[in-house]
Amino acid sequence: VLRKFGYNDDIKLADGLIPPLKRASDQSVELTNEAIDFLKTIFDEFDGDSDKVLQPCELEELFSTAPESPWIENPYKDAVQRNAFGGLSLDAFLSEVQKSFIFVSSPSSLYFVEQ
């Protein structure tokens, strides 16, 4: 069934299924309002203690279905301000996501950015 939707044996979308994000060197991308609203919802869902900060354990849960957190190495590791316990505020979380789209033009970027 998943092959019908473009997935391969590794349960990943087949290369080339979604065209790459194309932009000239002098162009940038921005998160759409819909993307920001979606990301705020995700933030709130994983903020288990409702303290308006995603603590390291909550971030770990957020990325639990990914092979690993994309933000544990450079250029993301120290890119935004974290609290004393390593947590991210909503603004820091949104900044990390935005930075992800600047450095990595992945197919998923197409759903979150406005060109």
PDB file of N, CA and C in Angstrom:
ATOM      1  N   VAL A   1       0.827  -1.183   0.000  1.00  0.00           N
ATOM      2  CA  VAL A   1       0.000   0.000   0.000  1.00  0.00           C
ATOM      3  C   VAL A   1       0.877   1.256   0.000  1.00  0.00           C
ATOM      4  N   LEU A   2       1.944   1.269   0.790  1.00  0.00           N
ATOM      5  CA  LEU A   2       2.786   2.460   0.872  1.00  0.00           C
ATOM      6  C   LEU A   2       3.489   2.769  -0.447  1.00  0.00           C
ATOM      7  N   ARG A   3       3.791   1.744  -1.227  1.00  0.00           N
ATOM      8  CA  ARG A   3       4.430   1.977  -2.530  1.00  0.00           C
ATOM      9  C   ARG A   3       3.542   2.832  -3.426  1.00  0.00           C
ATOM     10  N   LYS A   4       2.253   2.673  -3.284  1.00  0.00           N
ATOM     11  CA  LYS A   4       1.313   3.463  -4.077  1.00  0.00           C
ATOM     12  C   LYS A   4       1.517   4.956  -3.832  1.00  0.00           C
ATOM     13  N   PHE A   5       1.976   5.309  -2.637  1.00  0.00           N
ATOM     14  CA  PHE A   5       2.180   6.707  -2.285  1.00  0.00           C
ATOM     15  C   PHE A   5       3.635   7.144  -2.412  1.00  0.00           C
ATOM     16  N   GLY A   6       4.473   6.311  -3.043  1.00  0.00           N
ATOM     17  CA  GLY A   6       5.848   6.706  -3.339  1.00  0.00           C
ATOM     18  C   GLY A   6       6.900   6.269  -2.346  1.00  0.00           C
ATOM     19  N   TYR A   7       6.542   5.406  -1.383  1.00  0.00           N
ATOM     20  CA  TYR A   7       7.518   4.956  -0.401  1.00  0.00           C
ATOM     21  C   TYR A   7       8.293   3.760  -0.925  1.00  0.00           C
ATOM     22  N   ASN A   8       9.554   3.592  -0.450  1.00  0.00           N
ATOM     23  CA  ASN A   8      10.380   2.463  -0.860  1.00  0.00           C
ATOM     24  C   ASN A   8      10.480   1.441   0.279  1.00  0.00           C
ATOM     25  N   ASP A   9      11.412   0.480   0.156  1.00  0.00           N
ATOM     26  CA  ASP A   9      11.569  -0.565   1.171  1.00  0.00           C
ATOM     27  C   ASP A   9      11.981  -0.016   2.540  1.00  0.00           C
ATOM     28  N   ASP A  10      12.628   1.134   2.563  1.00  0.00           N
ATOM     29  CA  ASP A  10      13.058   1.746   3.823  1.00  0.00           C
ATOM     30  C   ASP A  10      11.995   2.659   4.413  1.00  0.00           C
ATOM     31  N   ILE A  11      10.796   2.633   3.851  1.00  0.00           N
ATOM     32  CA  ILE A  11       9.680   3.491   4.269  1.00  0.00           C
ATOM     33  C   ILE A  11      10.072   4.969   4.146  1.00  0.00           C
ATOM     34  N   LYS A  12      10.785   5.280   3.093  1.00  0.00           N
ATOM     35  CA  LYS A  12      11.139   6.664   2.778  1.00  0.00           C
ATOM     36  C   LYS A  12      10.580   6.980   1.403  1.00  0.00           C
ATOM     37  N   LEU A  13      10.235   8.239   1.211  1.00  0.00           N
ATOM     38  CA  LEU A  13       9.758   8.638  -0.106  1.00  0.00           C
ATOM     39  C   LEU A  13      10.866   8.438  -1.125  1.00  0.00           C
ATOM     40  N   ALA A  14      10.498   7.953  -2.281  1.00  0.00           N
ATOM     41  CA  ALA A  14      11.463   7.724  -3.345  1.00  0.00           C
ATOM     42  C   ALA A  14      12.111   9.044  -3.761  1.00  0.00           C
ATOM     43  N   ASP A  15      13.423   8.981  -4.048  1.00  0.00           N
ATOM     44  CA  ASP A  15      14.136  10.168  -4.513  1.00  0.00           C
ATOM     45  C   ASP A  15      13.474  10.711  -5.766  1.00  0.00           C
ATOM     46  N   GLY A  16      13.380  12.008  -5.832  1.00  0.00           N
ATOM     47  CA  GLY A  16      12.821  12.639  -7.019  1.00  0.00           C
ATOM     48  C   GLY A  16      11.315  12.719  -7.043  1.00  0.00           C
ATOM     49  N   LEU A  17      10.646  12.140  -6.057  1.00  0.00           N
ATOM     50  CA  LEU A  17       9.189  12.181  -6.046  1.00  0.00           C
ATOM     51  C   LEU A  17       8.689  13.604  -5.827  1.00  0.00           C
ATOM     52  N   ILE A  18       9.342  14.306  -4.933  1.00  0.00           N
ATOM     53  CA  ILE A  18       9.007  15.705  -4.677  1.00  0.00           C
ATOM     54  C   ILE A  18      10.155  16.541  -5.224  1.00  0.00           C
ATOM     55  N   PRO A  19       9.869  17.521  -6.060  1.00  0.00           N
ATOM     56  CA  PRO A  19      10.955  18.316  -6.645  1.00  0.00           C
ATOM     57  C   PRO A  19      11.708  19.096  -5.571  1.00  0.00           C
ATOM     58  N   PRO A  20      13.002  19.338  -5.806  1.00  0.00           N
ATOM     59  CA  PRO A  20      13.780  20.085  -4.816  1.00  0.00           C
ATOM     60  C   PRO A  20      13.307  21.528  -4.722  1.00  0.00           C
ATOM     61  N   LEU A  21      13.544  22.110  -3.567  1.00  0.00           N
ATOM     62  CA  LEU A  21      13.221  23.512  -3.350  1.00  0.00           C
ATOM     63  C   LEU A  21      14.237  24.335  -4.129  1.00  0.00           C
ATOM     64  N   LYS A  22      13.772  25.048  -5.141  1.00  0.00           N
ATOM     65  CA  LYS A  22      14.683  25.826  -5.980  1.00  0.00           C
ATOM     66  C   LYS A  22      14.577  27.297  -5.614  1.00  0.00           C
ATOM     67  N   ARG A  23      15.730  27.889  -5.396  1.00  0.00           N
ATOM     68  CA  ARG A  23      15.763  29.325  -5.149  1.00  0.00           C
ATOM     69  C   ARG A  23      17.107  29.862  -5.612  1.00  0.00           C
ATOM     70  N   ALA A  24      17.096  31.099  -6.067  1.00  0.00           N
ATOM     71  CA  ALA A  24      18.331  31.753  -6.479  1.00  0.00           C
ATOM     72  C   ALA A  24      19.136  32.122  -5.237  1.00  0.00           C
ATOM     73  N   SER A  25      20.416  32.392  -5.428  1.00  0.00           N
ATOM     74  CA  SER A  25      21.283  32.688  -4.288  1.00  0.00           C
ATOM     75  C   SER A  25      20.852  33.943  -3.527  1.00  0.00           C
ATOM     76  N   ASP A  26      20.123  34.844  -4.195  1.00  0.00           N
ATOM     77  CA  ASP A  26      19.678  36.065  -3.521  1.00  0.00           C
ATOM     78  C   ASP A  26      18.255  35.965  -2.979  1.00  0.00           C
ATOM     79  N   GLN A  27      17.676  34.776  -3.022  1.00  0.00           N
ATOM     80  CA  GLN A  27      16.324  34.566  -2.516  1.00  0.00           C
ATOM     81  C   GLN A  27      16.368  33.858  -1.167  1.00  0.00           C
ATOM     82  N   SER A  28      15.302  34.030  -0.412  1.00  0.00           N
ATOM     83  CA  SER A  28      15.174  33.337   0.864  1.00  0.00           C
ATOM     84  C   SER A  28      13.787  32.715   0.937  1.00  0.00           C
ATOM     85  N   VAL A  29      13.572  31.938   1.959  1.00  0.00           N
ATOM     86  CA  VAL A  29      12.267  31.325   2.188  1.00  0.00           C
ATOM     87  C   VAL A  29      11.796  31.718   3.579  1.00  0.00           C
ATOM     88  N   GLU A  30      10.497  31.718   3.767  1.00  0.00           N
ATOM     89  CA  GLU A  30       9.905  32.038   5.060  1.00  0.00           C
ATOM     90  C   GLU A  30       8.872  30.984   5.401  1.00  0.00           C
ATOM     91  N   LEU A  31       8.672  30.770   6.680  1.00  0.00           N
ATOM     92  CA  LEU A  31       7.592  29.896   7.112  1.00  0.00           C
ATOM     93  C   LEU A  31       6.270  30.595   6.829  1.00  0.00           C
ATOM     94  N   THR A  32       5.319  29.856   6.313  1.00  0.00           N
ATOM     95  CA  THR A  32       3.993  30.427   6.094  1.00  0.00           C
ATOM     96  C   THR A  32       3.281  30.564   7.437  1.00  0.00           C
ATOM     97  N   ASN A  33       2.230  31.362   7.470  1.00  0.00           N
ATOM     98  CA  ASN A  33       1.433  31.491   8.697  1.00  0.00           C
ATOM     99  C   ASN A  33       0.853  30.148   9.104  1.00  0.00           C
ATOM    100  N   GLU A  34       0.442  29.363   8.114  1.00  0.00           N
ATOM    101  CA  GLU A  34      -0.107  28.035   8.397  1.00  0.00           C
ATOM    102  C   GLU A  34       0.953  27.138   9.025  1.00  0.00           C
ATOM    103  N   ALA A  35       2.187  27.232   8.526  1.00  0.00           N
ATOM    104  CA  ALA A  35       3.272  26.423   9.078  1.00  0.00           C
ATOM    105  C   ALA A  35       3.567  26.829  10.516  1.00  0.00           C
ATOM    106  N   ILE A  36       3.588  28.131  10.776  1.00  0.00           N
ATOM    107  CA  ILE A  36       3.843  28.612  12.137  1.00  0.00           C
ATOM    108  C   ILE A  36       2.746  28.137  13.080  1.00  0.00           C
ATOM    109  N   ASP A  37       1.494  28.218  12.649  1.00  0.00           N
ATOM    110  CA  ASP A  37       0.386  27.731  13.484  1.00  0.00           C
ATOM    111  C   ASP A  37       0.525  26.238  13.753  1.00  0.00           C
ATOM    112  N   PHE A  38       0.876  25.475  12.718  1.00  0.00           N
ATOM    113  CA  PHE A  38       1.077  24.035  12.871  1.00  0.00           C
ATOM    114  C   PHE A  38       2.202  23.756  13.873  1.00  0.00           C
ATOM    115  N   LEU A  39       3.314  24.465  13.736  1.00  0.00           N
ATOM    116  CA  LEU A  39       4.453  24.253  14.625  1.00  0.00           C
ATOM    117  C   LEU A  39       4.139  24.657  16.062  1.00  0.00           C
ATOM    118  N   LYS A  40       3.333  25.697  16.236  1.00  0.00           N
ATOM    119  CA  LYS A  40       2.900  26.084  17.586  1.00  0.00           C
ATOM    120  C   LYS A  40       2.061  24.975  18.211  1.00  0.00           C
ATOM    121  N   THR A  41       1.213  24.350  17.406  1.00  0.00           N
ATOM    122  CA  THR A  41       0.401  23.234  17.891  1.00  0.00           C
ATOM    123  C   THR A  41       1.293  22.067  18.308  1.00  0.00           C
ATOM    124  N   ILE A  42       2.283  21.755  17.483  1.00  0.00           N
ATOM    125  CA  ILE A  42       3.226  20.679  17.812  1.00  0.00           C
ATOM    126  C   ILE A  42       3.960  21.011  19.112  1.00  0.00           C
ATOM    127  N   PHE A  43       4.429  22.251  19.231  1.00  0.00           N
ATOM    128  CA  PHE A  43       5.126  22.690  20.445  1.00  0.00           C
ATOM    129  C   PHE A  43       4.243  22.456  21.665  1.00  0.00           C
ATOM    130  N   ASP A  44       2.997  22.916  21.595  1.00  0.00           N
ATOM    131  CA  ASP A  44       2.074  22.776  22.729  1.00  0.00           C
ATOM    132  C   ASP A  44       1.791  21.314  23.055  1.00  0.00           C
ATOM    133  N   GLU A  45       1.672  20.474  22.030  1.00  0.00           N
ATOM    134  CA  GLU A  45       1.394  19.050  22.263  1.00  0.00           C
ATOM    135  C   GLU A  45       2.540  18.362  22.996  1.00  0.00           C
ATOM    136  N   PHE A  46       3.773  18.771  22.717  1.00  0.00           N
ATOM    137  CA  PHE A  46       4.921  18.120  23.341  1.00  0.00           C
ATOM    138  C   PHE A  46       5.401  18.825  24.607  1.00  0.00           C
ATOM    139  N   ASP A  47       4.815  19.971  24.926  1.00  0.00           N
ATOM    140  CA  ASP A  47       5.134  20.678  26.169  1.00  0.00           C
ATOM    141  C   ASP A  47       4.292  20.066  27.289  1.00  0.00           C
ATOM    142  N   GLY A  48       4.708  18.895  27.732  1.00  0.00           N
ATOM    143  CA  GLY A  48       3.931  18.102  28.679  1.00  0.00           C
ATOM    144  C   GLY A  48       3.616  18.788  29.993  1.00  0.00           C
ATOM    145  N   ASP A  49       4.519  19.623  30.487  1.00  0.00           N
ATOM    146  CA  ASP A  49       4.280  20.303  31.762  1.00  0.00           C
ATOM    147  C   ASP A  49       3.730  21.716  31.576  1.00  0.00           C
ATOM    148  N   SER A  50       3.411  22.082  30.347  1.00  0.00           N
ATOM    149  CA  SER A  50       2.801  23.385  30.008  1.00  0.00           C
ATOM    150  C   SER A  50       3.571  24.577  30.569  1.00  0.00           C
ATOM    151  N   ASP A  51       4.914  24.475  30.562  1.00  0.00           N
ATOM    152  CA  ASP A  51       5.729  25.588  31.066  1.00  0.00           C
ATOM    153  C   ASP A  51       6.220  26.507  29.947  1.00  0.00           C
ATOM    154  N   LYS A  52       5.715  26.293  28.738  1.00  0.00           N
ATOM    155  CA  LYS A  52       6.076  27.101  27.559  1.00  0.00           C
ATOM    156  C   LYS A  52       7.536  26.932  27.159  1.00  0.00           C
ATOM    157  N   VAL A  53       8.123  25.798  27.546  1.00  0.00           N
ATOM    158  CA  VAL A  53       9.495  25.448  27.182  1.00  0.00           C
ATOM    159  C   VAL A  53       9.513  23.961  26.862  1.00  0.00           C
ATOM    160  N   LEU A  54      10.149  23.598  25.748  1.00  0.00           N
ATOM    161  CA  LEU A  54      10.355  22.180  25.465  1.00  0.00           C
ATOM    162  C   LEU A  54      11.671  21.777  26.117  1.00  0.00           C
ATOM    163  N   GLN A  55      11.560  20.984  27.189  1.00  0.00           N
ATOM    164  CA  GLN A  55      12.730  20.500  27.906  1.00  0.00           C
ATOM    165  C   GLN A  55      13.388  19.395  27.073  1.00  0.00           C
ATOM    166  N   PRO A  56      14.648  19.054  27.357  1.00  0.00           N
ATOM    167  CA  PRO A  56      15.332  18.021  26.581  1.00  0.00           C
ATOM    168  C   PRO A  56      14.543  16.715  26.450  1.00  0.00           C
ATOM    169  N   CYS A  57      13.881  16.277  27.519  1.00  0.00           N
ATOM    170  CA  CYS A  57      13.105  15.030  27.438  1.00  0.00           C
ATOM    171  C   CYS A  57      11.900  15.197  26.512  1.00  0.00           C
ATOM    172  N   GLU A  58      11.325  16.399  26.471  1.00  0.00           N
ATOM    173  CA  GLU A  58      10.192  16.659  25.578  1.00  0.00           C
ATOM    174  C   GLU A  58      10.664  16.752  24.129  1.00  0.00           C
ATOM    175  N   LEU A  59      11.842  17.327  23.914  1.00  0.00           N
ATOM    176  CA  LEU A  59      12.419  17.356  22.566  1.00  0.00           C
ATOM    177  C   LEU A  59      12.741  15.945  22.089  1.00  0.00           C
ATOM    178  N   GLU A  60      13.235  15.126  23.013  1.00  0.00           N
ATOM    179  CA  GLU A  60      13.529  13.730  22.677  1.00  0.00           C
ATOM    180  C   GLU A  60      12.254  13.016  22.237  1.00  0.00           C
ATOM    181  N   GLU A  61      11.166  13.265  22.931  1.00  0.00           N
ATOM    182  CA  GLU A  61       9.877  12.672  22.564  1.00  0.00           C
ATOM    183  C   GLU A  61       9.406  13.201  21.209  1.00  0.00           C
ATOM    184  N   LEU A  62       9.602  14.487  20.971  1.00  0.00           N
ATOM    185  CA  LEU A  62       9.210  15.092  19.701  1.00  0.00           C
ATOM    186  C   LEU A  62       9.884  14.392  18.529  1.00  0.00           C
ATOM    187  N   PHE A  63      11.164  14.072  18.678  1.00  0.00           N
ATOM    188  CA  PHE A  63      11.918  13.440  17.600  1.00  0.00           C
ATOM    189  C   PHE A  63      12.008  11.919  17.748  1.00  0.00           C
ATOM    190  N   SER A  64      11.163  11.331  18.574  1.00  0.00           N
ATOM    191  CA  SER A  64      11.249   9.891  18.841  1.00  0.00           C
ATOM    192  C   SER A  64      10.998   9.031  17.610  1.00  0.00           C
ATOM    193  N   THR A  65      10.276   9.539  16.639  1.00  0.00           N
ATOM    194  CA  THR A  65      10.016   8.749  15.430  1.00  0.00           C
ATOM    195  C   THR A  65      11.050   9.011  14.340  1.00  0.00           C
ATOM    196  N   ALA A  66      11.965   9.931  14.581  1.00  0.00           N
ATOM    197  CA  ALA A  66      13.045  10.225  13.634  1.00  0.00           C
ATOM    198  C   ALA A  66      14.274   9.407  14.025  1.00  0.00           C
ATOM    199  N   PRO A  67      15.178   9.166  13.078  1.00  0.00           N
ATOM    200  CA  PRO A  67      16.396   8.425  13.437  1.00  0.00           C
ATOM    201  C   PRO A  67      17.164   9.094  14.579  1.00  0.00           C
ATOM    202  N   GLU A  68      17.197  10.417  14.600  1.00  0.00           N
ATOM    203  CA  GLU A  68      17.809  11.174  15.694  1.00  0.00           C
ATOM    204  C   GLU A  68      17.359  12.622  15.574  1.00  0.00           C
ATOM    205  N   SER A  69      17.560  13.374  16.624  1.00  0.00           N
ATOM    206  CA  SER A  69      17.216  14.791  16.578  1.00  0.00           C
ATOM    207  C   SER A  69      18.136  15.488  15.588  1.00  0.00           C
ATOM    208  N   PRO A  70      17.585  16.281  14.691  1.00  0.00           N
ATOM    209  CA  PRO A  70      18.443  16.992  13.742  1.00  0.00           C
ATOM    210  C   PRO A  70      19.180  18.160  14.393  1.00  0.00           C
ATOM    211  N   TRP A  71      18.871  18.469  15.634  1.00  0.00           N
ATOM    212  CA  TRP A  71      19.415  19.661  16.286  1.00  0.00           C
ATOM    213  C   TRP A  71      20.499  19.360  17.309  1.00  0.00           C
ATOM    214  N   ILE A  72      21.065  18.156  17.294  1.00  0.00           N
ATOM    215  CA  ILE A  72      22.072  17.820  18.302  1.00  0.00           C
ATOM    216  C   ILE A  72      23.496  18.111  17.837  1.00  0.00           C
ATOM    217  N   GLU A  73      23.661  18.437  16.549  1.00  0.00           N
ATOM    218  CA  GLU A  73      24.989  18.730  16.018  1.00  0.00           C
ATOM    219  C   GLU A  73      24.986  20.101  15.356  1.00  0.00           C
ATOM    220  N   ASN A  74      26.177  20.580  15.013  1.00  0.00           N
ATOM    221  CA  ASN A  74      26.285  21.849  14.295  1.00  0.00           C
ATOM    222  C   ASN A  74      25.604  21.738  12.940  1.00  0.00           C
ATOM    223  N   PRO A  75      25.011  22.764  12.423  1.00  0.00           N
ATOM    224  CA  PRO A  75      25.035  24.144  12.889  1.00  0.00           C
ATOM    225  C   PRO A  75      23.914  24.477  13.867  1.00  0.00           C
ATOM    226  N   TYR A  76      23.191  23.475  14.358  1.00  0.00           N
ATOM    227  CA  TYR A  76      22.015  23.727  15.198  1.00  0.00           C
ATOM    228  C   TYR A  76      22.292  23.691  16.690  1.00  0.00           C
ATOM    229  N   LYS A  77      23.278  22.920  17.102  1.00  0.00           N
ATOM    230  CA  LYS A  77      23.485  22.620  18.521  1.00  0.00           C
ATOM    231  C   LYS A  77      23.454  23.864  19.406  1.00  0.00           C
ATOM    232  N   ASP A  78      24.195  24.878  19.050  1.00  0.00           N
ATOM    233  CA  ASP A  78      24.260  26.089  19.872  1.00  0.00           C
ATOM    234  C   ASP A  78      23.714  27.305  19.131  1.00  0.00           C
ATOM    235  N   ALA A  79      22.817  27.086  18.195  1.00  0.00           N
ATOM    236  CA  ALA A  79      22.334  28.171  17.334  1.00  0.00           C
ATOM    237  C   ALA A  79      21.316  29.082  18.013  1.00  0.00           C
ATOM    238  N   VAL A  80      20.600  28.574  18.988  1.00  0.00           N
ATOM    239  CA  VAL A  80      19.589  29.387  19.670  1.00  0.00           C
ATOM    240  C   VAL A  80      19.813  29.303  21.176  1.00  0.00           C
ATOM    241  N   GLN A  81      19.244  30.273  21.874  1.00  0.00           N
ATOM    242  CA  GLN A  81      19.381  30.307  23.329  1.00  0.00           C
ATOM    243  C   GLN A  81      18.503  29.232  23.962  1.00  0.00           C
ATOM    244  N   ARG A  82      19.091  28.509  24.888  1.00  0.00           N
ATOM    245  CA  ARG A  82      18.374  27.491  25.657  1.00  0.00           C
ATOM    246  C   ARG A  82      18.371  27.908  27.121  1.00  0.00           C
ATOM    247  N   ASN A  83      17.420  27.370  27.874  1.00  0.00           N
ATOM    248  CA  ASN A  83      17.411  27.685  29.304  1.00  0.00           C
ATOM    249  C   ASN A  83      18.509  26.888  30.011  1.00  0.00           C
ATOM    250  N   ALA A  84      18.622  27.058  31.305  1.00  0.00           N
ATOM    251  CA  ALA A  84      19.688  26.410  32.077  1.00  0.00           C
ATOM    252  C   ALA A  84      19.640  24.889  31.988  1.00  0.00           C
ATOM    253  N   PHE A  85      18.474  24.348  31.664  1.00  0.00           N
ATOM    254  CA  PHE A  85      18.309  22.896  31.576  1.00  0.00           C
ATOM    255  C   PHE A  85      18.356  22.387  30.140  1.00  0.00           C
ATOM    256  N   GLY A  86      18.626  23.279  29.181  1.00  0.00           N
ATOM    257  CA  GLY A  86      18.711  22.880  27.781  1.00  0.00           C
ATOM    258  C   GLY A  86      17.397  22.947  27.037  1.00  0.00           C
ATOM    259  N   GLY A  87      16.382  23.571  27.631  1.00  0.00           N
ATOM    260  CA  GLY A  87      15.067  23.663  26.999  1.00  0.00           C
ATOM    261  C   GLY A  87      14.963  24.806  26.009  1.00  0.00           C
ATOM    262  N   LEU A  88      13.984  24.688  25.109  1.00  0.00           N
ATOM    263  CA  LEU A  88      13.737  25.692  24.075  1.00  0.00           C
ATOM    264  C   LEU A  88      12.400  26.384  24.302  1.00  0.00           C
ATOM    265  N   SER A  89      12.411  27.714  24.262  1.00  0.00           N
ATOM    266  CA  SER A  89      11.158  28.470  24.265  1.00  0.00           C
ATOM    267  C   SER A  89      10.501  28.310  22.893  1.00  0.00           C
ATOM    268  N   LEU A  90       9.273  28.770  22.765  1.00  0.00           N
ATOM    269  CA  LEU A  90       8.589  28.697  21.471  1.00  0.00           C
ATOM    270  C   LEU A  90       9.373  29.458  20.411  1.00  0.00           C
ATOM    271  N   ASP A  91       9.849  30.659  20.731  1.00  0.00           N
ATOM    272  CA  ASP A  91      10.617  31.437  19.750  1.00  0.00           C
ATOM    273  C   ASP A  91      11.888  30.707  19.330  1.00  0.00           C
ATOM    274  N   ALA A  92      12.580  30.100  20.282  1.00  0.00           N
ATOM    275  CA  ALA A  92      13.794  29.349  19.962  1.00  0.00           C
ATOM    276  C   ALA A  92      13.458  28.131  19.106  1.00  0.00           C
ATOM    277  N   PHE A  93      12.362  27.454  19.426  1.00  0.00           N
ATOM    278  CA  PHE A  93      11.913  26.301  18.646  1.00  0.00           C
ATOM    279  C   PHE A  93      11.634  26.705  17.199  1.00  0.00           C
ATOM    280  N   LEU A  94      10.891  27.795  17.015  1.00  0.00           N
ATOM    281  CA  LEU A  94      10.581  28.267  15.664  1.00  0.00           C
ATOM    282  C   LEU A  94      11.851  28.694  14.930  1.00  0.00           C
ATOM    283  N   SER A  95      12.796  29.277  15.645  1.00  0.00           N
ATOM    284  CA  SER A  95      14.070  29.665  15.032  1.00  0.00           C
ATOM    285  C   SER A  95      14.850  28.446  14.561  1.00  0.00           C
ATOM    286  N   GLU A  96      14.849  27.384  15.366  1.00  0.00           N
ATOM    287  CA  GLU A  96      15.532  26.151  14.966  1.00  0.00           C
ATOM    288  C   GLU A  96      14.901  25.563  13.706  1.00  0.00           C
ATOM    289  N   VAL A  97      13.580  25.570  13.655  1.00  0.00           N
ATOM    290  CA  VAL A  97      12.899  25.048  12.467  1.00  0.00           C
ATOM    291  C   VAL A  97      13.264  25.888  11.252  1.00  0.00           C
ATOM    292  N   GLN A  98      13.197  27.209  11.395  1.00  0.00           N
ATOM    293  CA  GLN A  98      13.545  28.098  10.278  1.00  0.00           C
ATOM    294  C   GLN A  98      14.976  27.843   9.822  1.00  0.00           C
ATOM    295  N   LYS A  99      15.888  27.711  10.761  1.00  0.00           N
ATOM    296  CA  LYS A  99      17.285  27.440  10.425  1.00  0.00           C
ATOM    297  C   LYS A  99      17.412  26.100   9.695  1.00  0.00           C
ATOM    298  N   SER A 100      16.608  25.128  10.078  1.00  0.00           N
ATOM    299  CA  SER A 100      16.631  23.831   9.402  1.00  0.00           C
ATOM    300  C   SER A 100      16.330  23.976   7.921  1.00  0.00           C
ATOM    301  N   PHE A 101      15.403  24.856   7.592  1.00  0.00           N
ATOM    302  CA  PHE A 101      15.035  25.043   6.193  1.00  0.00           C
ATOM    303  C   PHE A 101      16.060  25.870   5.433  1.00  0.00           C
ATOM    304  N   ILE A 102      16.844  26.663   6.127  1.00  0.00           N
ATOM    305  CA  ILE A 102      17.902  27.432   5.469  1.00  0.00           C
ATOM    306  C   ILE A 102      19.049  26.509   5.075  1.00  0.00           C
ATOM    307  N   PHE A 103      19.449  25.618   5.989  1.00  0.00           N
ATOM    308  CA  PHE A 103      20.603  24.767   5.752  1.00  0.00           C
ATOM    309  C   PHE A 103      20.293  23.505   4.963  1.00  0.00           C
ATOM    310  N   VAL A 104      19.084  23.003   5.069  1.00  0.00           N
ATOM    311  CA  VAL A 104      18.728  21.747   4.410  1.00  0.00           C
ATOM    312  C   VAL A 104      17.495  21.974   3.560  1.00  0.00           C
ATOM    313  N   SER A 105      17.646  21.831   2.269  1.00  0.00           N
ATOM    314  CA  SER A 105      16.497  21.969   1.371  1.00  0.00           C
ATOM    315  C   SER A 105      15.884  20.595   1.147  1.00  0.00           C
ATOM    316  N   SER A 106      15.192  20.107   2.152  1.00  0.00           N
ATOM    317  CA  SER A 106      14.573  18.792   2.054  1.00  0.00           C
ATOM    318  C   SER A 106      13.194  18.908   1.430  1.00  0.00           C
ATOM    319  N   PRO A 107      12.681  17.817   0.893  1.00  0.00           N
ATOM    320  CA  PRO A 107      11.335  17.858   0.316  1.00  0.00           C
ATOM    321  C   PRO A 107      10.280  18.336   1.296  1.00  0.00           C
ATOM    322  N   SER A 108      10.452  18.020   2.584  1.00  0.00           N
ATOM    323  CA  SER A 108       9.456  18.457   3.561  1.00  0.00           C
ATOM    324  C   SER A 108       9.407  19.974   3.668  1.00  0.00           C
ATOM    325  N   SER A 109      10.488  20.637   3.304  1.00  0.00           N
ATOM    326  CA  SER A 109      10.522  22.098   3.335  1.00  0.00           C
ATOM    327  C   SER A 109       9.428  22.700   2.477  1.00  0.00           C
ATOM    328  N   LEU A 110       9.099  22.040   1.396  1.00  0.00           N
ATOM    329  CA  LEU A 110       8.116  22.583   0.462  1.00  0.00           C
ATOM    330  C   LEU A 110       6.769  22.822   1.109  1.00  0.00           C
ATOM    331  N   TYR A 111       6.446  22.071   2.135  1.00  0.00           N
ATOM    332  CA  TYR A 111       5.144  22.197   2.771  1.00  0.00           C
ATOM    333  C   TYR A 111       5.091  23.329   3.789  1.00  0.00           C
ATOM    334  N   PHE A 112       6.248  23.843   4.190  1.00  0.00           N
ATOM    335  CA  PHE A 112       6.296  24.831   5.259  1.00  0.00           C
ATOM    336  C   PHE A 112       6.704  26.228   4.820  1.00  0.00           C
ATOM    337  N   VAL A 113       7.188  26.373   3.607  1.00  0.00           N
ATOM    338  CA  VAL A 113       7.746  27.663   3.215  1.00  0.00           C
ATOM    339  C   VAL A 113       6.945  28.326   2.116  1.00  0.00           C
ATOM    340  N   GLU A 114       7.111  29.621   2.071  1.00  0.00           N
ATOM    341  CA  GLU A 114       6.482  30.436   1.049  1.00  0.00           C
ATOM    342  C   GLU A 114       7.613  31.014   0.219  1.00  0.00           C
ATOM    343  N   GLN A 115       7.569  30.819  -1.073  1.00  0.00           N
ATOM    344  CA  GLN A 115       8.648  31.303  -1.935  1.00  0.00           C
ATOM    345  C   GLN A 115       8.284  32.618  -2.565  1.00  0.00           C
TER     346      GLN A 115
END
